[in-house]
Amino acid sequence: MEYAKELGDPVLVQLSGIVGALHDIIEDTPNDRSALSQRGVPQQAIDAIELLTHPRGEHRDKYVTRLANDPLACAVKLADNADNADPERLARLGPQVRERLREKYALDRQILEPSWRGHCTRT
């Protein structure tokens, strides 16, 4: 995960791979943090996965700002955002959906990127 590599911490790089692979698991499956722990997922990864789980009803700005404060969650969300905003991927969508998602991802990056730069300068 390129963003995590910028932090220069090999543990965060390894954890970012775990979190990146599992980041939607709490939202999309019956699994919870207890199930992840029982399967041996490290606590720091579980914490980041839980941060990445967007609670129903929480305003997007609040959700993304919460993620921005955690280096691991921020790294994974930026990587996920870049993947989701890939022009080839967006080209397969209808024009209205494509534009809505472009705007959504751009707004997310406006919140995440300044925090990301701050995380990188602190390491």
C-alpha atoms as a PDB file:
ATOM      1  CA  MET A   1       0.000   0.000   0.000  1.00  0.00           C
ATOM      2  CA  GLU A   2       1.793   3.072  -1.292  1.00  0.00           C
ATOM      3  CA  TYR A   3       0.311   5.552   1.183  1.00  0.00           C
ATOM      4  CA  ALA A   4       1.369   3.475   4.185  1.00  0.00           C
ATOM      5  CA  LYS A   5       4.898   3.135   2.777  1.00  0.00           C
ATOM      6  CA  GLU A   6       5.219   6.924   2.953  1.00  0.00           C
ATOM      7  CA  LEU A   7       4.899   6.719   6.738  1.00  0.00           C
ATOM      8  CA  GLY A   8       8.136   4.730   6.840  1.00  0.00           C
ATOM      9  CA  ASP A   9       6.798   2.305   9.442  1.00  0.00           C
ATOM     10  CA  PRO A  10       7.002  -1.354   8.332  1.00  0.00           C
ATOM     11  CA  VAL A  11       4.345  -2.385  10.862  1.00  0.00           C
ATOM     12  CA  LEU A  12       1.863   0.128   9.427  1.00  0.00           C
ATOM     13  CA  VAL A  13       2.683  -1.082   5.924  1.00  0.00           C
ATOM     14  CA  GLN A  14       1.865  -4.659   6.931  1.00  0.00           C
ATOM     15  CA  LEU A  15      -1.285  -3.597   8.794  1.00  0.00           C
ATOM     16  CA  SER A  16      -2.437  -1.500   5.836  1.00  0.00           C
ATOM     17  CA  GLY A  17      -2.515  -4.652   3.712  1.00  0.00           C
ATOM     18  CA  ILE A  18      -4.731  -6.380   6.265  1.00  0.00           C
ATOM     19  CA  VAL A  19      -6.999  -3.362   6.678  1.00  0.00           C
ATOM     20  CA  GLY A  20      -7.147  -2.787   2.924  1.00  0.00           C
ATOM     21  CA  ALA A  21      -8.293  -6.358   2.360  1.00  0.00           C
ATOM     22  CA  LEU A  22     -10.852  -6.300   5.178  1.00  0.00           C
ATOM     23  CA  HIS A  23     -11.966  -2.656   5.243  1.00  0.00           C
ATOM     24  CA  ASP A  24     -15.575  -3.338   4.182  1.00  0.00           C
ATOM     25  CA  ILE A  25     -16.052  -6.533   6.175  1.00  0.00           C
ATOM     26  CA  ILE A  26     -17.998  -5.032   9.099  1.00  0.00           C
ATOM     27  CA  GLU A  27     -20.272  -3.053   6.736  1.00  0.00           C
ATOM     28  CA  ASP A  28     -20.890  -5.878   4.282  1.00  0.00           C
ATOM     29  CA  THR A  29     -20.982  -9.029   6.421  1.00  0.00           C
ATOM     30  CA  PRO A  30     -22.269 -10.170   9.835  1.00  0.00           C
ATOM     31  CA  ASN A  31     -18.688 -10.027  11.201  1.00  0.00           C
ATOM     32  CA  ASP A  32     -17.878  -7.622  14.021  1.00  0.00           C
ATOM     33  CA  ARG A  33     -14.690  -6.680  15.868  1.00  0.00           C
ATOM     34  CA  SER A  34     -15.057  -9.724  18.140  1.00  0.00           C
ATOM     35  CA  ALA A  35     -15.190 -12.075  15.138  1.00  0.00           C
ATOM     36  CA  LEU A  36     -12.118 -10.418  13.643  1.00  0.00           C
ATOM     37  CA  SER A  37     -10.242 -10.726  16.927  1.00  0.00           C
ATOM     38  CA  GLN A  38     -11.162 -14.416  17.208  1.00  0.00           C
ATOM     39  CA  ARG A  39      -9.689 -14.916  13.727  1.00  0.00           C
ATOM     40  CA  GLY A  40      -6.379 -13.375  14.793  1.00  0.00           C
ATOM     41  CA  VAL A  41      -6.691  -9.939  13.187  1.00  0.00           C
ATOM     42  CA  PRO A  42      -4.388  -7.539  15.109  1.00  0.00           C
ATOM     43  CA  GLN A  43      -6.124  -5.016  17.373  1.00  0.00           C
ATOM     44  CA  GLN A  44      -4.668  -1.989  15.555  1.00  0.00           C
ATOM     45  CA  ALA A  45      -6.068  -3.343  12.276  1.00  0.00           C
ATOM     46  CA  ILE A  46      -9.470  -3.966  13.883  1.00  0.00           C
ATOM     47  CA  ASP A  47      -9.524  -0.387  15.203  1.00  0.00           C
ATOM     48  CA  ALA A  48      -8.803   0.967  11.709  1.00  0.00           C
ATOM     49  CA  ILE A  49     -11.408  -1.342  10.116  1.00  0.00           C
ATOM     50  CA  GLU A  50     -13.967  -0.098  12.602  1.00  0.00           C
ATOM     51  CA  LEU A  51     -13.065   3.519  11.775  1.00  0.00           C
ATOM     52  CA  LEU A  52     -13.509   2.737   8.084  1.00  0.00           C
ATOM     53  CA  THR A  53     -16.992   1.363   8.739  1.00  0.00           C
ATOM     54  CA  HIS A  54     -19.360   4.197   7.811  1.00  0.00           C
ATOM     55  CA  PRO A  55     -22.205   4.197  10.362  1.00  0.00           C
ATOM     56  CA  ARG A  56     -25.664   4.626   8.878  1.00  0.00           C
ATOM     57  CA  GLY A  57     -26.839   8.193   9.226  1.00  0.00           C
ATOM     58  CA  GLU A  58     -23.411   9.691   9.888  1.00  0.00           C
ATOM     59  CA  HIS A  59     -22.747  12.657   7.598  1.00  0.00           C
ATOM     60  CA  ARG A  60     -19.985  11.902   5.103  1.00  0.00           C
ATOM     61  CA  ASP A  61     -17.838  14.892   6.143  1.00  0.00           C
ATOM     62  CA  LYS A  62     -17.871  13.752   9.767  1.00  0.00           C
ATOM     63  CA  TYR A  63     -17.008  10.193   8.753  1.00  0.00           C
ATOM     64  CA  VAL A  64     -14.104  11.225   6.532  1.00  0.00           C
ATOM     65  CA  THR A  65     -12.781  13.710   9.115  1.00  0.00           C
ATOM     66  CA  ARG A  66     -12.773  10.918  11.696  1.00  0.00           C
ATOM     67  CA  LEU A  67     -10.726   8.748   9.325  1.00  0.00           C
ATOM     68  CA  ALA A  68      -8.297  11.559   8.606  1.00  0.00           C
ATOM     69  CA  ASN A  69      -7.159  11.584  12.232  1.00  0.00           C
ATOM     70  CA  ASP A  70      -5.863   8.007  12.137  1.00  0.00           C
ATOM     71  CA  PRO A  71      -2.771   7.375   9.958  1.00  0.00           C
ATOM     72  CA  LEU A  72      -3.675   3.772   9.138  1.00  0.00           C
ATOM     73  CA  ALA A  73      -7.345   4.453   8.332  1.00  0.00           C
ATOM     74  CA  CYS A  74      -6.364   7.558   6.362  1.00  0.00           C
ATOM     75  CA  ALA A  75      -3.847   5.591   4.266  1.00  0.00           C
ATOM     76  CA  VAL A  76      -6.340   2.854   3.461  1.00  0.00           C
ATOM     77  CA  LYS A  77      -9.149   5.307   2.647  1.00  0.00           C
ATOM     78  CA  LEU A  78      -6.903   7.304   0.302  1.00  0.00           C
ATOM     79  CA  ALA A  79      -5.871   4.109  -1.491  1.00  0.00           C
ATOM     80  CA  ASP A  80      -9.501   2.960  -1.701  1.00  0.00           C
ATOM     81  CA  ASN A  81     -10.502   6.408  -2.966  1.00  0.00           C
ATOM     82  CA  ALA A  82      -7.819   6.300  -5.678  1.00  0.00           C
ATOM     83  CA  ASP A  83      -8.972   2.843  -6.759  1.00  0.00           C
ATOM     84  CA  ASN A  84     -12.643   3.855  -6.827  1.00  0.00           C
ATOM     85  CA  ALA A  85     -11.867   7.097  -8.715  1.00  0.00           C
ATOM     86  CA  ASP A  86      -9.861   5.326 -11.416  1.00  0.00           C
ATOM     87  CA  PRO A  87     -10.982   6.826 -14.749  1.00  0.00           C
ATOM     88  CA  GLU A  88     -11.279   3.401 -16.419  1.00  0.00           C
ATOM     89  CA  ARG A  89     -13.487   2.181 -13.594  1.00  0.00           C
ATOM     90  CA  LEU A  90     -15.641   5.319 -13.649  1.00  0.00           C
ATOM     91  CA  ALA A  91     -15.976   5.149 -17.450  1.00  0.00           C
ATOM     92  CA  ARG A  92     -18.093   2.003 -17.059  1.00  0.00           C
ATOM     93  CA  LEU A  93     -20.748   3.968 -15.164  1.00  0.00           C
ATOM     94  CA  GLY A  94     -23.510   6.205 -16.437  1.00  0.00           C
ATOM     95  CA  PRO A  95     -22.685   9.917 -16.684  1.00  0.00           C
ATOM     96  CA  GLN A  96     -24.755  11.011 -13.667  1.00  0.00           C
ATOM     97  CA  VAL A  97     -23.347   8.332 -11.384  1.00  0.00           C
ATOM     98  CA  ARG A  98     -19.828   8.963 -12.685  1.00  0.00           C
ATOM     99  CA  GLU A  99     -20.050  12.707 -11.929  1.00  0.00           C
ATOM    100  CA  ARG A 100     -21.587  12.136  -8.479  1.00  0.00           C
ATOM    101  CA  LEU A 101     -18.771   9.754  -7.558  1.00  0.00           C
ATOM    102  CA  ARG A 102     -16.069  12.055  -8.932  1.00  0.00           C
ATOM    103  CA  GLU A 103     -17.394  14.840  -6.722  1.00  0.00           C
ATOM    104  CA  LYS A 104     -17.666  12.548  -3.699  1.00  0.00           C
ATOM    105  CA  TYR A 105     -14.113  11.280  -4.058  1.00  0.00           C
ATOM    106  CA  ALA A 106     -12.729  14.781  -4.668  1.00  0.00           C
ATOM    107  CA  LEU A 107     -14.413  16.066  -1.484  1.00  0.00           C
ATOM    108  CA  ASP A 108     -13.030  13.117   0.478  1.00  0.00           C
ATOM    109  CA  ARG A 109      -9.511  13.872  -0.782  1.00  0.00           C
ATOM    110  CA  GLN A 110      -9.865  17.533   0.252  1.00  0.00           C
ATOM    111  CA  ILE A 111     -10.300  16.326   3.835  1.00  0.00           C
ATOM    112  CA  LEU A 112      -7.894  13.372   3.793  1.00  0.00           C
ATOM    113  CA  GLU A 113      -4.864  14.688   1.916  1.00  0.00           C
ATOM    114  CA  PRO A 114      -3.905  17.563   4.268  1.00  0.00           C
ATOM    115  CA  SER A 115      -4.140  15.181   7.237  1.00  0.00           C
ATOM    116  CA  TRP A 116      -2.138  12.614   5.307  1.00  0.00           C
ATOM    117  CA  ARG A 117       0.670  15.089   4.712  1.00  0.00           C
ATOM    118  CA  GLY A 118       0.642  15.846   8.447  1.00  0.00           C
ATOM    119  CA  HIS A 119       0.891  12.171   9.335  1.00  0.00           C
ATOM    120  CA  CYS A 120       3.893  11.792   7.023  1.00  0.00           C
ATOM    121  CA  THR A 121       5.766  14.745   8.514  1.00  0.00           C
ATOM    122  CA  ARG A 122       5.326  13.400  12.061  1.00  0.00           C
ATOM    123  CA  THR A 123       7.123  10.128  11.387  1.00  0.00           C
END
